[in-house]
């Protein structure tokens, strides 16, 4: 009998701070032990689904009630919910396109560090003989990074869901994940524009009239010495940017038509942020602008879910954003 078929799964596995059920199962039943076998490619959680013959996708997916055939398989249900929500977050998540680093913490208090190469004290001048080498100052931020809890409450009884197919329920959970990802993007934009509490709001460049190619060039120039590789824009300005004659450039056009990715003639990736103010666009260097801080992953009310008390069961994540180099992002406001 394989190791994964003998593991006792219980509520207490969810109480390990900073670790998901999948992490715990991987420690007990490492995936590397299955190389060269029929189970290669499955992680420890997926092997447990196979153990209890639970199919969560496809036309032959099982009903929700299949998880509750016994206490061990019931204990898998919260992890299934968390993973389905995480899939939805990944599908609509543009956060990786705007953050330079991700920091995972166990608590709620986090103080970041900062350094700004645009500071006169950190320019790389020629050092003459016997002269002092200039310093690059890396310092701890004065204020803690604010972490925001984002989530949703499941509002359906077990009786209403028990006969529903898991592939359909997965779609519903993925929608929750997509909503959470959109809220996190709003948090990121707010930090870029207003700062992270350390007196570091974005410098605002003014533009008059309709957005044009010269405005993009001004944004590019204003960001120097950083690289303009990402532009965030609301719906109305996205439409205007995409209608610019310069966007008919062969390379930009082929990229948009072939992949759906929107690249400006300046080489910056164009990201649609519907929640932004209609008269504002943001230019940033994604390689050194933002830090994403995560406190745990997707958290579920595992007690309620295991006990079939789906009503009012919370699904949430706790994240925050900090500025690494304050000058690595600029906002342009149209008047």
C-alpha atoms as a PDB file:
ATOM      1  CA  UNK A   1       0.000   0.000   0.000  1.00  0.00           C
ATOM      2  CA  UNK A   2       1.373   3.414  -1.002  1.00  0.00           C
ATOM      3  CA  UNK A   3       2.165   5.955   1.688  1.00  0.00           C
ATOM      4  CA  UNK A   4      -0.544   8.419   0.586  1.00  0.00           C
ATOM      5  CA  UNK A   5      -3.247   5.791   1.195  1.00  0.00           C
ATOM      6  CA  UNK A   6      -2.471   5.507   4.917  1.00  0.00           C
ATOM      7  CA  UNK A   7      -2.288   9.168   5.964  1.00  0.00           C
ATOM      8  CA  UNK A   8      -4.832  10.221   8.575  1.00  0.00           C
ATOM      9  CA  UNK A   9      -6.280  13.608   7.578  1.00  0.00           C
ATOM     10  CA  UNK A  10      -7.821  15.759  10.295  1.00  0.00           C
ATOM     11  CA  UNK A  11      -8.788  19.328  11.173  1.00  0.00           C
ATOM     12  CA  UNK A  12      -5.627  19.919  13.171  1.00  0.00           C
ATOM     13  CA  UNK A  13      -3.564  19.939   9.977  1.00  0.00           C
ATOM     14  CA  UNK A  14      -5.072  23.352   9.144  1.00  0.00           C
ATOM     15  CA  UNK A  15      -3.815  24.840  12.411  1.00  0.00           C
ATOM     16  CA  UNK A  16      -0.177  24.909  11.279  1.00  0.00           C
ATOM     17  CA  UNK A  17       0.589  28.606  10.921  1.00  0.00           C
ATOM     18  CA  UNK A  18       2.036  29.578   7.576  1.00  0.00           C
ATOM     19  CA  UNK A  19       1.409  26.163   6.008  1.00  0.00           C
ATOM     20  CA  UNK A  20      -1.449  24.932   3.864  1.00  0.00           C
ATOM     21  CA  UNK A  21      -2.836  21.416   4.007  1.00  0.00           C
ATOM     22  CA  UNK A  22      -0.948  20.700   0.786  1.00  0.00           C
ATOM     23  CA  UNK A  23       2.306  21.755   2.498  1.00  0.00           C
ATOM     24  CA  UNK A  24       1.632  19.403   5.419  1.00  0.00           C
ATOM     25  CA  UNK A  25       0.751  16.525   3.118  1.00  0.00           C
ATOM     26  CA  UNK A  26       3.915  17.106   1.093  1.00  0.00           C
ATOM     27  CA  UNK A  27       5.985  16.784   4.261  1.00  0.00           C
ATOM     28  CA  UNK A  28       4.288  13.487   5.091  1.00  0.00           C
ATOM     29  CA  UNK A  29       4.227  12.217   1.519  1.00  0.00           C
ATOM     30  CA  UNK A  30       6.865  13.959  -0.683  1.00  0.00           C
ATOM     31  CA  UNK A  31       6.075  14.114  -4.391  1.00  0.00           C
ATOM     32  CA  UNK A  32       9.676  13.312  -5.266  1.00  0.00           C
ATOM     33  CA  UNK A  33       9.048   9.735  -4.090  1.00  0.00           C
ATOM     34  CA  UNK A  34       6.695   9.234  -7.044  1.00  0.00           C
ATOM     35  CA  UNK A  35       9.090  10.041  -9.861  1.00  0.00           C
ATOM     36  CA  UNK A  36       8.879   7.419 -12.577  1.00  0.00           C
ATOM     37  CA  UNK A  37       5.504   6.129 -11.345  1.00  0.00           C
ATOM     38  CA  UNK A  38       1.952   6.563 -12.638  1.00  0.00           C
ATOM     39  CA  UNK A  39       1.433   9.229  -9.949  1.00  0.00           C
ATOM     40  CA  UNK A  40       4.280  11.457 -11.123  1.00  0.00           C
ATOM     41  CA  UNK A  41       3.018  14.976 -11.755  1.00  0.00           C
ATOM     42  CA  UNK A  42       0.458  14.913  -8.956  1.00  0.00           C
ATOM     43  CA  UNK A  43       1.089  16.843  -5.745  1.00  0.00           C
ATOM     44  CA  UNK A  44       0.240  15.425  -2.305  1.00  0.00           C
ATOM     45  CA  UNK A  45      -3.270  16.920  -2.280  1.00  0.00           C
ATOM     46  CA  UNK A  46      -4.078  15.573  -5.742  1.00  0.00           C
ATOM     47  CA  UNK A  47      -2.949  12.117  -4.612  1.00  0.00           C
ATOM     48  CA  UNK A  48      -5.454  12.325  -1.769  1.00  0.00           C
ATOM     49  CA  UNK A  49      -8.201  13.159  -4.252  1.00  0.00           C
ATOM     50  CA  UNK A  50      -7.190  10.071  -6.196  1.00  0.00           C
ATOM     51  CA  UNK A  51      -7.159   8.019  -2.996  1.00  0.00           C
ATOM     52  CA  UNK A  52     -10.809   8.865  -2.335  1.00  0.00           C
ATOM     53  CA  UNK A  53     -11.703   8.820  -6.039  1.00  0.00           C
ATOM     54  CA  UNK A  54     -12.871  12.457  -6.019  1.00  0.00           C
ATOM     55  CA  UNK A  55     -12.989  14.033  -9.485  1.00  0.00           C
ATOM     56  CA  UNK A  56     -13.173  17.831  -9.291  1.00  0.00           C
ATOM     57  CA  UNK A  57     -13.165  18.656 -13.015  1.00  0.00           C
ATOM     58  CA  UNK A  58     -14.425  17.405 -16.343  1.00  0.00           C
ATOM     59  CA  UNK A  59     -17.798  16.102 -17.474  1.00  0.00           C
ATOM     60  CA  UNK A  60     -17.520  13.154 -15.088  1.00  0.00           C
ATOM     61  CA  UNK A  61     -16.768  15.310 -12.034  1.00  0.00           C
ATOM     62  CA  UNK A  62     -18.315  14.200  -8.766  1.00  0.00           C
ATOM     63  CA  UNK A  63     -20.917  15.969  -6.669  1.00  0.00           C
ATOM     64  CA  UNK A  64     -19.958  18.129  -3.689  1.00  0.00           C
ATOM     65  CA  UNK A  65     -21.278  15.454  -1.320  1.00  0.00           C
ATOM     66  CA  UNK A  66     -18.506  13.068  -2.425  1.00  0.00           C
ATOM     67  CA  UNK A  67     -16.089  14.918  -0.144  1.00  0.00           C
ATOM     68  CA  UNK A  68     -18.234  13.973   2.851  1.00  0.00           C
ATOM     69  CA  UNK A  69     -18.270  10.206   2.402  1.00  0.00           C
ATOM     70  CA  UNK A  70     -15.959   9.924   5.434  1.00  0.00           C
ATOM     71  CA  UNK A  71     -14.116  12.163   7.889  1.00  0.00           C
ATOM     72  CA  UNK A  72     -10.764  11.974   6.076  1.00  0.00           C
ATOM     73  CA  UNK A  73     -12.122  13.085   2.714  1.00  0.00           C
ATOM     74  CA  UNK A  74     -14.268  15.754   4.414  1.00  0.00           C
ATOM     75  CA  UNK A  75     -11.056  17.261   5.816  1.00  0.00           C
ATOM     76  CA  UNK A  76      -9.875  17.771   2.213  1.00  0.00           C
ATOM     77  CA  UNK A  77     -12.796  20.055   1.379  1.00  0.00           C
ATOM     78  CA  UNK A  78     -11.414  23.367   2.755  1.00  0.00           C
ATOM     79  CA  UNK A  79      -8.185  22.855   0.807  1.00  0.00           C
ATOM     80  CA  UNK A  80     -10.157  22.178  -2.358  1.00  0.00           C
ATOM     81  CA  UNK A  81     -12.031  25.461  -1.784  1.00  0.00           C
ATOM     82  CA  UNK A  82      -8.788  27.392  -1.177  1.00  0.00           C
ATOM     83  CA  UNK A  83      -7.136  25.970  -4.275  1.00  0.00           C
ATOM     84  CA  UNK A  84     -10.148  26.722  -6.483  1.00  0.00           C
ATOM     85  CA  UNK A  85     -10.185  30.341  -5.228  1.00  0.00           C
ATOM     86  CA  UNK A  86      -6.417  30.599  -5.815  1.00  0.00           C
ATOM     87  CA  UNK A  87      -6.884  29.436  -9.427  1.00  0.00           C
ATOM     88  CA  UNK A  88      -9.365  32.258  -9.985  1.00  0.00           C
ATOM     89  CA  UNK A  89      -6.937  34.761  -8.478  1.00  0.00           C
ATOM     90  CA  UNK A  90      -4.171  33.597 -10.801  1.00  0.00           C
ATOM     91  CA  UNK A  91      -6.384  33.848 -13.880  1.00  0.00           C
ATOM     92  CA  UNK A  92      -7.168  37.534 -13.416  1.00  0.00           C
ATOM     93  CA  UNK A  93      -4.098  38.531 -11.443  1.00  0.00           C
ATOM     94  CA  UNK A  94      -1.835  41.188 -12.961  1.00  0.00           C
ATOM     95  CA  UNK A  95      -0.011  41.762  -9.670  1.00  0.00           C
ATOM     96  CA  UNK A  96       3.052  39.756 -10.882  1.00  0.00           C
ATOM     97  CA  UNK A  97       3.309  42.266 -13.755  1.00  0.00           C
ATOM     98  CA  UNK A  98       3.723  45.231 -11.404  1.00  0.00           C
ATOM     99  CA  UNK A  99       5.647  43.941  -8.355  1.00  0.00           C
ATOM    100  CA  UNK A 100       9.395  43.489  -8.087  1.00  0.00           C
ATOM    101  CA  UNK A 101       9.438  41.271  -4.984  1.00  0.00           C
ATOM    102  CA  UNK A 102       7.047  39.180  -2.901  1.00  0.00           C
ATOM    103  CA  UNK A 103       7.534  38.758   0.844  1.00  0.00           C
ATOM    104  CA  UNK A 104       5.570  36.174   2.841  1.00  0.00           C
ATOM    105  CA  UNK A 105       5.175  36.754   6.569  1.00  0.00           C
ATOM    106  CA  UNK A 106       3.424  34.898   9.392  1.00  0.00           C
ATOM    107  CA  UNK A 107       2.153  37.896  11.364  1.00  0.00           C
ATOM    108  CA  UNK A 108       0.522  41.239  10.608  1.00  0.00           C
ATOM    109  CA  UNK A 109       3.420  43.620  11.258  1.00  0.00           C
ATOM    110  CA  UNK A 110       6.009  44.249   8.555  1.00  0.00           C
ATOM    111  CA  UNK A 111       8.461  47.090   8.032  1.00  0.00           C
ATOM    112  CA  UNK A 112      10.149  47.206   4.649  1.00  0.00           C
ATOM    113  CA  UNK A 113      13.427  48.727   3.466  1.00  0.00           C
ATOM    114  CA  UNK A 114      14.029  51.346   0.814  1.00  0.00           C
ATOM    115  CA  UNK A 115      16.764  52.847  -1.317  1.00  0.00           C
ATOM    116  CA  UNK A 116      16.477  55.406  -4.093  1.00  0.00           C
ATOM    117  CA  UNK A 117      19.301  55.525  -6.672  1.00  0.00           C
ATOM    118  CA  UNK A 118      17.997  58.879  -7.909  1.00  0.00           C
ATOM    119  CA  UNK A 119      19.200  60.416  -4.642  1.00  0.00           C
ATOM    120  CA  UNK A 120      22.270  62.652  -5.168  1.00  0.00           C
ATOM    121  CA  UNK A 121      24.078  60.754  -2.422  1.00  0.00           C
ATOM    122  CA  UNK A 122      23.974  57.551  -4.437  1.00  0.00           C
ATOM    123  CA  UNK A 123      25.216  58.753  -7.836  1.00  0.00           C
ATOM    124  CA  UNK A 124      28.200  56.792  -9.130  1.00  0.00           C
ATOM    125  CA  UNK A 125      30.769  59.507  -9.674  1.00  0.00           C
ATOM    126  CA  UNK A 126      34.396  58.848 -10.522  1.00  0.00           C
ATOM    127  CA  UNK A 127      36.269  58.219  -7.278  1.00  0.00           C
ATOM    128  CA  UNK A 128      39.600  59.971  -7.219  1.00  0.00           C
ATOM    129  CA  UNK A 129      42.599  58.577  -5.368  1.00  0.00           C
ATOM    130  CA  UNK A 130      42.242  58.882  -1.556  1.00  0.00           C
ATOM    131  CA  UNK A 131      38.672  60.184  -2.013  1.00  0.00           C
ATOM    132  CA  UNK A 132      35.729  58.709  -0.137  1.00  0.00           C
ATOM    133  CA  UNK A 133      33.534  56.285  -2.072  1.00  0.00           C
ATOM    134  CA  UNK A 134      29.930  57.540  -2.165  1.00  0.00           C
ATOM    135  CA  UNK A 135      27.349  55.575  -0.208  1.00  0.00           C
ATOM    136  CA  UNK A 136      24.132  53.898  -1.267  1.00  0.00           C
ATOM    137  CA  UNK A 137      21.893  54.135   1.760  1.00  0.00           C
ATOM    138  CA  UNK A 138      19.490  51.266   2.393  1.00  0.00           C
ATOM    139  CA  UNK A 139      17.235  52.051   5.305  1.00  0.00           C
ATOM    140  CA  UNK A 140      14.252  50.677   7.169  1.00  0.00           C
ATOM    141  CA  UNK A 141      10.972  52.424   6.449  1.00  0.00           C
ATOM    142  CA  UNK A 142       9.540  54.541   9.242  1.00  0.00           C
ATOM    143  CA  UNK A 143       5.996  53.148   9.004  1.00  0.00           C
ATOM    144  CA  UNK A 144       4.661  49.609   8.879  1.00  0.00           C
ATOM    145  CA  UNK A 145       3.155  48.315   5.650  1.00  0.00           C
ATOM    146  CA  UNK A 146      -0.644  48.297   5.896  1.00  0.00           C
ATOM    147  CA  UNK A 147      -2.100  44.850   5.278  1.00  0.00           C
ATOM    148  CA  UNK A 148      -5.660  44.566   4.018  1.00  0.00           C
ATOM    149  CA  UNK A 149      -7.901  41.551   4.404  1.00  0.00           C
ATOM    150  CA  UNK A 150      -9.908  40.846   1.255  1.00  0.00           C
ATOM    151  CA  UNK A 151     -12.442  38.076   0.928  1.00  0.00           C
ATOM    152  CA  UNK A 152     -15.961  36.833   0.476  1.00  0.00           C
ATOM    153  CA  UNK A 153     -18.532  34.916   2.504  1.00  0.00           C
ATOM    154  CA  UNK A 154     -20.018  31.738   1.067  1.00  0.00           C
ATOM    155  CA  UNK A 155     -23.753  32.178   1.207  1.00  0.00           C
ATOM    156  CA  UNK A 156     -25.149  28.742   0.353  1.00  0.00           C
ATOM    157  CA  UNK A 157     -26.222  25.817   2.487  1.00  0.00           C
ATOM    158  CA  UNK A 158     -24.767  22.346   2.166  1.00  0.00           C
ATOM    159  CA  UNK A 159     -28.231  21.097   1.235  1.00  0.00           C
ATOM    160  CA  UNK A 160     -28.274  23.512  -1.716  1.00  0.00           C
ATOM    161  CA  UNK A 161     -24.851  22.440  -2.949  1.00  0.00           C
ATOM    162  CA  UNK A 162     -24.523  18.755  -2.092  1.00  0.00           C
ATOM    163  CA  UNK A 163     -25.836  17.518  -5.452  1.00  0.00           C
ATOM    164  CA  UNK A 164     -24.010  20.107  -7.551  1.00  0.00           C
ATOM    165  CA  UNK A 165     -21.117  18.957  -9.717  1.00  0.00           C
ATOM    166  CA  UNK A 166     -17.679  19.978  -8.492  1.00  0.00           C
ATOM    167  CA  UNK A 167     -16.620  21.401 -11.854  1.00  0.00           C
ATOM    168  CA  UNK A 168     -19.463  23.947 -11.669  1.00  0.00           C
ATOM    169  CA  UNK A 169     -18.754  24.714  -8.019  1.00  0.00           C
ATOM    170  CA  UNK A 170     -15.101  25.250  -8.936  1.00  0.00           C
ATOM    171  CA  UNK A 171     -16.167  27.911 -11.446  1.00  0.00           C
ATOM    172  CA  UNK A 172     -18.119  29.701  -8.693  1.00  0.00           C
ATOM    173  CA  UNK A 173     -15.132  29.591  -6.354  1.00  0.00           C
ATOM    174  CA  UNK A 174     -12.813  30.808  -9.107  1.00  0.00           C
ATOM    175  CA  UNK A 175     -15.070  33.840  -9.519  1.00  0.00           C
ATOM    176  CA  UNK A 176     -14.482  34.656  -5.852  1.00  0.00           C
ATOM    177  CA  UNK A 177     -10.753  34.470  -6.507  1.00  0.00           C
ATOM    178  CA  UNK A 178     -11.036  36.815  -9.467  1.00  0.00           C
ATOM    179  CA  UNK A 179     -12.938  39.347  -7.343  1.00  0.00           C
ATOM    180  CA  UNK A 180     -10.259  39.203  -4.642  1.00  0.00           C
ATOM    181  CA  UNK A 181      -7.510  39.728  -7.252  1.00  0.00           C
ATOM    182  CA  UNK A 182      -9.278  42.828  -8.573  1.00  0.00           C
ATOM    183  CA  UNK A 183      -9.506  44.270  -5.045  1.00  0.00           C
ATOM    184  CA  UNK A 184      -5.800  43.628  -4.485  1.00  0.00           C
ATOM    185  CA  UNK A 185      -4.995  45.474  -7.703  1.00  0.00           C
ATOM    186  CA  UNK A 186      -6.964  48.477  -6.378  1.00  0.00           C
ATOM    187  CA  UNK A 187      -4.806  48.351  -3.218  1.00  0.00           C
ATOM    188  CA  UNK A 188      -1.630  48.285  -5.311  1.00  0.00           C
ATOM    189  CA  UNK A 189      -2.716  51.283  -7.385  1.00  0.00           C
ATOM    190  CA  UNK A 190      -3.609  53.217  -4.233  1.00  0.00           C
ATOM    191  CA  UNK A 191      -0.120  52.639  -2.803  1.00  0.00           C
ATOM    192  CA  UNK A 192       1.540  53.706  -6.056  1.00  0.00           C
ATOM    193  CA  UNK A 193      -0.458  56.931  -6.148  1.00  0.00           C
ATOM    194  CA  UNK A 194      -0.705  57.817  -2.459  1.00  0.00           C
ATOM    195  CA  UNK A 195       2.309  56.046  -0.946  1.00  0.00           C
ATOM    196  CA  UNK A 196       2.540  53.319   1.674  1.00  0.00           C
ATOM    197  CA  UNK A 197       2.448  55.605   4.718  1.00  0.00           C
ATOM    198  CA  UNK A 198       6.105  56.620   4.447  1.00  0.00           C
ATOM    199  CA  UNK A 199       5.581  59.994   2.720  1.00  0.00           C
ATOM    200  CA  UNK A 200       6.288  58.569  -0.727  1.00  0.00           C
ATOM    201  CA  UNK A 201       3.351  59.352  -3.048  1.00  0.00           C
ATOM    202  CA  UNK A 202       3.910  59.270  -6.787  1.00  0.00           C
ATOM    203  CA  UNK A 203       5.090  62.443  -8.480  1.00  0.00           C
ATOM    204  CA  UNK A 204       2.301  63.767 -10.706  1.00  0.00           C
ATOM    205  CA  UNK A 205       3.046  64.921 -14.258  1.00  0.00           C
ATOM    206  CA  UNK A 206       0.399  67.173 -15.781  1.00  0.00           C
ATOM    207  CA  UNK A 207      -0.903  66.792 -19.330  1.00  0.00           C
ATOM    208  CA  UNK A 208      -3.358  68.990 -21.182  1.00  0.00           C
ATOM    209  CA  UNK A 209      -6.155  67.800 -23.433  1.00  0.00           C
ATOM    210  CA  UNK A 210      -6.454  64.361 -24.997  1.00  0.00           C
ATOM    211  CA  UNK A 211      -3.842  61.690 -24.289  1.00  0.00           C
ATOM    212  CA  UNK A 212      -1.308  61.509 -27.113  1.00  0.00           C
ATOM    213  CA  UNK A 213       1.995  59.944 -28.040  1.00  0.00           C
ATOM    214  CA  UNK A 214       3.882  63.008 -26.782  1.00  0.00           C
ATOM    215  CA  UNK A 215       2.326  62.421 -23.341  1.00  0.00           C
ATOM    216  CA  UNK A 216       3.718  58.897 -23.307  1.00  0.00           C
ATOM    217  CA  UNK A 217       7.113  60.293 -24.231  1.00  0.00           C
ATOM    218  CA  UNK A 218       6.844  62.799 -21.359  1.00  0.00           C
ATOM    219  CA  UNK A 219       6.008  59.945 -18.981  1.00  0.00           C
ATOM    220  CA  UNK A 220       8.998  57.998 -20.269  1.00  0.00           C
ATOM    221  CA  UNK A 221      11.301  60.985 -19.797  1.00  0.00           C
ATOM    222  CA  UNK A 222       9.902  61.811 -16.351  1.00  0.00           C
ATOM    223  CA  UNK A 223      10.652  58.312 -15.072  1.00  0.00           C
ATOM    224  CA  UNK A 224      14.378  58.500 -15.884  1.00  0.00           C
ATOM    225  CA  UNK A 225      16.755  57.067 -14.747  1.00  0.00           C
ATOM    226  CA  UNK A 226      14.256  54.235 -14.367  1.00  0.00           C
ATOM    227  CA  UNK A 227      12.859  52.210 -17.241  1.00  0.00           C
ATOM    228  CA  UNK A 228       9.262  52.749 -18.334  1.00  0.00           C
ATOM    229  CA  UNK A 229       8.188  49.131 -18.826  1.00  0.00           C
ATOM    230  CA  UNK A 230       4.622  49.154 -17.445  1.00  0.00           C
ATOM    231  CA  UNK A 231       1.678  51.524 -17.890  1.00  0.00           C
ATOM    232  CA  UNK A 232      -1.568  51.249 -15.906  1.00  0.00           C
ATOM    233  CA  UNK A 233      -4.647  52.911 -17.373  1.00  0.00           C
ATOM    234  CA  UNK A 234      -8.419  53.065 -16.755  1.00  0.00           C
ATOM    235  CA  UNK A 235     -10.953  52.006 -19.389  1.00  0.00           C
ATOM    236  CA  UNK A 236     -11.503  55.393 -21.063  1.00  0.00           C
ATOM    237  CA  UNK A 237      -7.792  56.115 -21.431  1.00  0.00           C
ATOM    238  CA  UNK A 238      -7.103  52.545 -22.542  1.00  0.00           C
ATOM    239  CA  UNK A 239      -9.488  53.098 -25.436  1.00  0.00           C
ATOM    240  CA  UNK A 240      -7.740  56.331 -26.374  1.00  0.00           C
ATOM    241  CA  UNK A 241      -4.269  54.780 -26.101  1.00  0.00           C
ATOM    242  CA  UNK A 242      -5.249  51.835 -28.273  1.00  0.00           C
ATOM    243  CA  UNK A 243      -6.668  54.229 -30.870  1.00  0.00           C
ATOM    244  CA  UNK A 244      -3.415  56.208 -31.216  1.00  0.00           C
ATOM    245  CA  UNK A 245      -1.886  56.023 -34.707  1.00  0.00           C
ATOM    246  CA  UNK A 246       1.393  54.913 -33.108  1.00  0.00           C
ATOM    247  CA  UNK A 247      -0.384  51.831 -31.717  1.00  0.00           C
ATOM    248  CA  UNK A 248      -0.726  50.669 -35.308  1.00  0.00           C
ATOM    249  CA  UNK A 249       3.009  50.112 -35.272  1.00  0.00           C
ATOM    250  CA  UNK A 250       3.649  46.660 -36.759  1.00  0.00           C
ATOM    251  CA  UNK A 251       5.303  45.178 -33.665  1.00  0.00           C
ATOM    252  CA  UNK A 252       2.688  46.527 -31.228  1.00  0.00           C
ATOM    253  CA  UNK A 253      -0.155  45.469 -33.503  1.00  0.00           C
ATOM    254  CA  UNK A 254       1.139  41.950 -34.057  1.00  0.00           C
ATOM    255  CA  UNK A 255       1.662  41.471 -30.320  1.00  0.00           C
ATOM    256  CA  UNK A 256      -1.876  42.635 -29.528  1.00  0.00           C
ATOM    257  CA  UNK A 257      -3.551  40.602 -32.272  1.00  0.00           C
ATOM    258  CA  UNK A 258      -1.445  37.496 -31.693  1.00  0.00           C
ATOM    259  CA  UNK A 259      -1.382  37.274 -27.887  1.00  0.00           C
ATOM    260  CA  UNK A 260      -3.853  39.810 -26.525  1.00  0.00           C
ATOM    261  CA  UNK A 261      -0.994  41.514 -24.666  1.00  0.00           C
ATOM    262  CA  UNK A 262      -0.950  45.251 -25.199  1.00  0.00           C
ATOM    263  CA  UNK A 263       2.476  46.762 -25.815  1.00  0.00           C
ATOM    264  CA  UNK A 264       2.991  50.479 -26.432  1.00  0.00           C
ATOM    265  CA  UNK A 265       5.358  51.759 -29.126  1.00  0.00           C
ATOM    266  CA  UNK A 266       7.729  52.625 -26.255  1.00  0.00           C
ATOM    267  CA  UNK A 267       7.942  48.943 -25.320  1.00  0.00           C
ATOM    268  CA  UNK A 268       5.962  49.282 -22.073  1.00  0.00           C
ATOM    269  CA  UNK A 269       3.278  46.730 -21.230  1.00  0.00           C
ATOM    270  CA  UNK A 270      -0.181  48.292 -21.081  1.00  0.00           C
ATOM    271  CA  UNK A 271      -2.410  47.012 -18.234  1.00  0.00           C
ATOM    272  CA  UNK A 272      -6.133  47.720 -17.967  1.00  0.00           C
ATOM    273  CA  UNK A 273      -7.248  48.818 -14.473  1.00  0.00           C
ATOM    274  CA  UNK A 274     -10.989  49.676 -14.607  1.00  0.00           C
ATOM    275  CA  UNK A 275     -11.024  50.950 -11.021  1.00  0.00           C
ATOM    276  CA  UNK A 276      -8.562  53.805 -11.683  1.00  0.00           C
ATOM    277  CA  UNK A 277      -9.670  57.438 -11.984  1.00  0.00           C
ATOM    278  CA  UNK A 278     -10.650  58.205 -15.569  1.00  0.00           C
ATOM    279  CA  UNK A 279      -8.107  61.040 -15.929  1.00  0.00           C
ATOM    280  CA  UNK A 280      -5.005  59.266 -14.588  1.00  0.00           C
ATOM    281  CA  UNK A 281      -2.410  56.883 -15.982  1.00  0.00           C
ATOM    282  CA  UNK A 282       0.580  55.417 -14.142  1.00  0.00           C
ATOM    283  CA  UNK A 283       4.006  54.648 -15.528  1.00  0.00           C
ATOM    284  CA  UNK A 284       6.400  52.490 -13.537  1.00  0.00           C
ATOM    285  CA  UNK A 285       9.503  50.366 -13.580  1.00  0.00           C
ATOM    286  CA  UNK A 286       8.140  47.023 -12.399  1.00  0.00           C
ATOM    287  CA  UNK A 287      11.664  45.839 -11.545  1.00  0.00           C
ATOM    288  CA  UNK A 288      12.036  48.119  -8.531  1.00  0.00           C
ATOM    289  CA  UNK A 289       8.763  49.878  -7.773  1.00  0.00           C
ATOM    290  CA  UNK A 290       6.551  47.691  -5.551  1.00  0.00           C
ATOM    291  CA  UNK A 291       6.836  44.960  -2.942  1.00  0.00           C
ATOM    292  CA  UNK A 292       3.925  42.593  -2.325  1.00  0.00           C
ATOM    293  CA  UNK A 293       3.575  41.434   1.290  1.00  0.00           C
ATOM    294  CA  UNK A 294       1.440  38.341   1.959  1.00  0.00           C
ATOM    295  CA  UNK A 295       0.338  37.042   5.353  1.00  0.00           C
ATOM    296  CA  UNK A 296      -0.561  33.429   4.580  1.00  0.00           C
ATOM    297  CA  UNK A 297      -2.320  32.337   1.413  1.00  0.00           C
ATOM    298  CA  UNK A 298      -6.028  31.826   0.807  1.00  0.00           C
ATOM    299  CA  UNK A 299      -7.593  31.218   4.236  1.00  0.00           C
ATOM    300  CA  UNK A 300     -10.906  29.405   4.722  1.00  0.00           C
ATOM    301  CA  UNK A 301     -13.091  28.722   7.734  1.00  0.00           C
ATOM    302  CA  UNK A 302     -12.020  25.099   7.738  1.00  0.00           C
ATOM    303  CA  UNK A 303     -14.072  24.141  10.811  1.00  0.00           C
ATOM    304  CA  UNK A 304     -17.300  25.282   9.187  1.00  0.00           C
ATOM    305  CA  UNK A 305     -16.501  23.728   5.825  1.00  0.00           C
ATOM    306  CA  UNK A 306     -15.557  20.355   7.285  1.00  0.00           C
ATOM    307  CA  UNK A 307     -18.713  20.351   9.417  1.00  0.00           C
ATOM    308  CA  UNK A 308     -20.837  21.193   6.326  1.00  0.00           C
ATOM    309  CA  UNK A 309     -21.683  24.649   7.679  1.00  0.00           C
ATOM    310  CA  UNK A 310     -21.047  26.401   4.393  1.00  0.00           C
ATOM    311  CA  UNK A 311     -23.330  29.325   5.199  1.00  0.00           C
ATOM    312  CA  UNK A 312     -21.291  32.317   6.408  1.00  0.00           C
ATOM    313  CA  UNK A 313     -17.984  30.514   5.851  1.00  0.00           C
ATOM    314  CA  UNK A 314     -15.304  33.106   5.055  1.00  0.00           C
ATOM    315  CA  UNK A 315     -12.671  32.885   2.339  1.00  0.00           C
ATOM    316  CA  UNK A 316      -9.984  35.570   2.565  1.00  0.00           C
ATOM    317  CA  UNK A 317      -6.444  36.687   1.881  1.00  0.00           C
ATOM    318  CA  UNK A 318      -4.337  39.288   3.700  1.00  0.00           C
ATOM    319  CA  UNK A 319      -1.911  41.329   1.611  1.00  0.00           C
ATOM    320  CA  UNK A 320      -0.280  44.737   1.449  1.00  0.00           C
ATOM    321  CA  UNK A 321       2.042  46.721  -0.790  1.00  0.00           C
ATOM    322  CA  UNK A 322       5.109  48.784  -0.091  1.00  0.00           C
ATOM    323  CA  UNK A 323       7.184  51.079  -2.262  1.00  0.00           C
ATOM    324  CA  UNK A 324      10.760  49.968  -2.805  1.00  0.00           C
ATOM    325  CA  UNK A 325      12.041  52.926  -4.842  1.00  0.00           C
ATOM    326  CA  UNK A 326       9.619  55.834  -4.587  1.00  0.00           C
ATOM    327  CA  UNK A 327      10.856  57.458  -7.797  1.00  0.00           C
ATOM    328  CA  UNK A 328      10.287  54.298  -9.861  1.00  0.00           C
ATOM    329  CA  UNK A 329       6.672  55.246 -10.542  1.00  0.00           C
ATOM    330  CA  UNK A 330       5.023  58.397 -11.871  1.00  0.00           C
ATOM    331  CA  UNK A 331       1.384  59.412 -12.356  1.00  0.00           C
ATOM    332  CA  UNK A 332       0.137  61.494 -15.283  1.00  0.00           C
ATOM    333  CA  UNK A 333      -3.071  63.479 -14.768  1.00  0.00           C
ATOM    334  CA  UNK A 334      -5.032  64.907 -17.682  1.00  0.00           C
ATOM    335  CA  UNK A 335      -6.705  68.268 -17.264  1.00  0.00           C
END
